[in-house]
Protein backbone atom coordinates (compact mmCIF):
# COMPACT_ATOMS: atom_id res chain seq x y z
CA MET A 1 -2.82 -1.79 -54.12
CA ALA A 2 0.32 -4.11 -54.93
CA ASP A 3 2.94 -1.55 -54.38
CA SER A 4 1.34 -0.99 -50.44
CA HIS A 5 1.70 -4.61 -50.34
CA LEU A 6 5.47 -4.85 -51.03
CA ASP A 7 6.01 -1.97 -48.86
CA LEU A 8 4.52 -3.37 -45.81
CA ILE A 9 6.73 -6.90 -46.59
CA ALA A 10 9.63 -4.95 -46.94
CA ARG A 11 8.81 -3.22 -43.79
CA ILE A 12 8.25 -6.75 -42.13
CA HIS A 13 11.72 -7.64 -43.28
CA ALA A 14 13.00 -4.68 -42.20
CA GLY A 15 11.73 -4.92 -38.68
CA PHE A 16 13.26 -8.94 -38.38
CA ASP A 17 16.75 -7.69 -39.31
CA ALA A 18 16.43 -4.64 -36.92
CA GLN A 19 15.35 -7.53 -34.17
CA THR A 20 18.30 -9.84 -35.13
CA ARG A 21 20.87 -6.63 -35.39
CA LEU A 22 19.69 -5.59 -32.09
CA ALA A 23 19.55 -8.99 -30.33
CA ALA A 24 23.52 -9.46 -31.71
CA SER A 25 24.55 -5.81 -30.79
CA LEU A 26 26.11 -6.82 -27.55
CA HIS A 27 27.04 -10.58 -28.48
CA GLY A 28 31.09 -10.74 -28.00
CA ARG A 29 31.51 -7.13 -26.74
CA THR A 30 33.19 -5.53 -23.80
CA VAL A 31 31.24 -3.62 -21.46
CA ALA A 32 31.75 -1.32 -18.18
CA VAL A 33 29.03 -1.02 -15.93
CA ARG A 34 29.02 2.56 -13.87
CA GLY A 35 26.43 4.12 -11.49
CA ALA A 36 24.28 1.05 -11.28
CA THR A 37 22.11 0.32 -8.20
CA ALA A 38 22.19 -2.87 -6.54
CA ALA A 39 18.30 -3.67 -8.11
CA GLU A 40 19.67 -2.39 -11.49
CA ARG A 41 23.06 -4.18 -10.93
CA ALA A 42 21.07 -7.61 -10.30
CA ALA A 43 19.49 -7.20 -13.44
CA LEU A 44 22.24 -6.14 -15.46
CA ASP A 45 24.27 -9.33 -14.58
CA GLU A 46 21.44 -11.63 -16.19
CA ASP A 47 20.67 -9.21 -18.87
CA LEU A 48 24.62 -8.98 -20.03
CA ALA A 49 25.38 -12.71 -19.55
CA ARG A 50 22.26 -13.64 -21.85
CA CYS A 51 23.46 -11.04 -24.38
CA GLY A 52 26.84 -12.62 -24.63
CA ALA A 53 28.96 -9.05 -23.53
CA THR A 54 31.87 -9.47 -21.13
CA GLU A 55 32.20 -7.04 -18.25
CA VAL A 56 35.51 -5.38 -17.49
CA ALA A 57 36.55 -3.08 -15.22
CA LEU A 58 38.17 -0.45 -16.62
CA LEU A 59 36.07 1.74 -19.34
CA ALA A 60 39.75 1.96 -21.56
CA ASP A 61 39.20 -1.88 -22.10
CA ALA A 62 35.17 -1.55 -22.66
CA GLU A 63 33.62 -1.11 -26.29
CA ALA A 64 30.33 0.21 -24.48
CA LEU A 65 29.63 1.91 -21.23
CA VAL A 66 26.24 0.72 -19.36
CA ALA A 67 25.26 3.73 -17.30
CA GLY A 68 23.23 3.19 -14.50
CA SER A 69 20.93 5.36 -12.76
CA GLU A 70 23.50 6.92 -10.51
CA ALA A 71 26.48 7.50 -13.22
CA THR A 72 28.17 10.57 -13.38
CA GLU A 73 28.57 12.94 -16.06
CA ASP A 74 32.20 12.28 -15.49
CA ASP A 75 31.53 8.97 -16.49
CA ALA A 76 29.42 10.17 -19.71
CA VAL A 77 32.36 12.46 -20.50
CA GLU A 78 35.00 9.97 -19.88
CA ALA A 79 32.53 7.48 -22.57
CA ALA A 80 32.39 10.34 -25.12
CA THR A 81 36.03 11.19 -25.24
CA ARG A 82 36.62 7.14 -25.80
CA ARG A 83 34.04 7.24 -28.33
CA ILE A 84 32.46 4.56 -26.17
CA ALA A 85 29.03 3.70 -26.86
CA ILE A 86 26.57 4.68 -23.63
CA LEU A 87 23.67 2.59 -23.15
CA ARG A 88 21.22 2.85 -20.19
CA SER A 89 20.25 -0.21 -18.05
CA ALA A 90 16.68 -0.35 -19.75
CA ASP A 91 18.41 -0.73 -23.18
CA VAL A 92 20.44 -3.94 -22.05
CA ALA A 93 17.22 -5.02 -20.48
CA LEU A 94 15.54 -4.45 -24.21
CA ILE A 95 18.47 -6.13 -25.90
CA ALA A 96 18.12 -9.37 -23.60
CA GLU A 97 14.75 -9.38 -24.05
CA THR A 98 14.93 -9.34 -28.09
CA ARG A 99 17.02 -12.20 -27.54
CA ARG A 100 14.59 -14.15 -25.83
CA ARG A 101 12.08 -13.53 -27.82
CA ILE A 102 13.71 -14.28 -31.11
CA ALA A 103 14.98 -17.70 -29.21
CA ARG A 104 11.45 -18.49 -28.21
CA ARG A 105 10.49 -17.63 -32.05
CA SER A 106 13.43 -20.10 -32.94
CA ASP A 107 12.64 -22.69 -30.61
CA ARG A 108 8.83 -22.85 -31.82
CA ALA A 109 9.84 -22.64 -35.32
CA TYR A 110 11.86 -25.98 -34.76
CA SER A 111 9.28 -28.02 -32.64
CA GLU A 112 7.06 -26.73 -35.39
CA ALA A 113 9.56 -28.25 -37.93
CA VAL A 114 9.99 -31.40 -35.25
CA ASP A 115 6.07 -32.05 -35.24
CA ARG A 116 5.88 -31.74 -39.07
CA ALA A 117 8.61 -34.57 -39.83
CA LEU A 118 7.31 -36.97 -37.24
CA ALA A 119 3.87 -36.74 -38.90
CA ASP A 120 5.42 -37.01 -42.34
CA ALA A 121 7.43 -39.90 -40.87
CA ARG A 122 4.03 -41.60 -39.44
CA ARG A 123 2.30 -40.90 -42.50
CA LEU A 124 5.28 -42.73 -44.90
CA VAL A 125 5.22 -45.70 -42.32
CA ALA A 126 1.37 -46.01 -42.98
CA GLN A 127 1.80 -45.77 -46.25
CA ARG A 128 4.37 -48.53 -46.39
CA ASP A 129 2.13 -50.62 -43.88
CA ARG A 130 -0.54 -50.43 -46.28
CA ARG A 131 1.22 -51.51 -49.35
CA VAL A 132 2.64 -54.36 -47.80
CA ALA A 133 -0.70 -55.47 -46.67
CA ALA A 134 -1.90 -55.40 -49.73
CA ALA A 135 0.92 -56.99 -51.24
CA THR A 136 0.70 -59.96 -49.08
CA SER A 137 -2.91 -60.20 -49.23
CA THR A 138 -2.72 -61.16 -52.91
CA GLU A 139 0.26 -63.66 -52.98
CA PRO A 140 -0.89 -67.00 -51.85
CA VAL A 141 1.26 -68.58 -49.17
CA ALA A 142 2.93 -71.59 -49.52
CA PRO A 143 2.48 -74.49 -47.53
CA GLY A 144 5.11 -75.14 -44.54
CA GLY A 145 6.04 -71.34 -44.57
CA GLY A 146 9.60 -70.62 -44.02
CA MET A 147 11.96 -67.56 -45.29
CA ARG A 148 12.28 -67.24 -49.33
CA THR A 149 15.02 -65.87 -51.00
CA ARG A 150 15.17 -65.10 -54.59
CA GLY A 151 18.59 -65.12 -56.93
CA GLY A 152 21.03 -67.62 -57.80
CA ASP A 153 22.20 -70.80 -56.81
CA VAL A 154 23.97 -70.47 -53.66
CA ARG A 155 25.14 -74.06 -53.18
CA GLY A 156 28.24 -73.68 -54.35
CA LEU A 157 29.11 -71.45 -51.33
């Protein structure tokens, strides 16, 4: 039974690692887009920006080819000849969605951490207020009030 738990934990960690690697796969990369329809193009512009990819006009300058539904066999052959990765529009959409999901998870974790820190701060302030209230309720208050200081004689200043 213990082995199955460890195996499950290992698979969960591998899944998170794979998501992180997928999300970063296009970041800082140059891509050429070929054969994208107008609808694909609209989605690709947003998705490539979210992925952190830079579009280039020449396939020779690209690290990957994004082949739309109207990409030609010549585009694929040229990319293969140059040993350039070929992605579909759907692949780019998946990478962009993975980045969105990770960002939401990070935002949620940050928000929860802030909420915990604020709750801790409120608890500490309440504890301090209780200690101050307990300390002041046991000390007699001198008539005339005023500020009291502790320390040596300051007349020589």
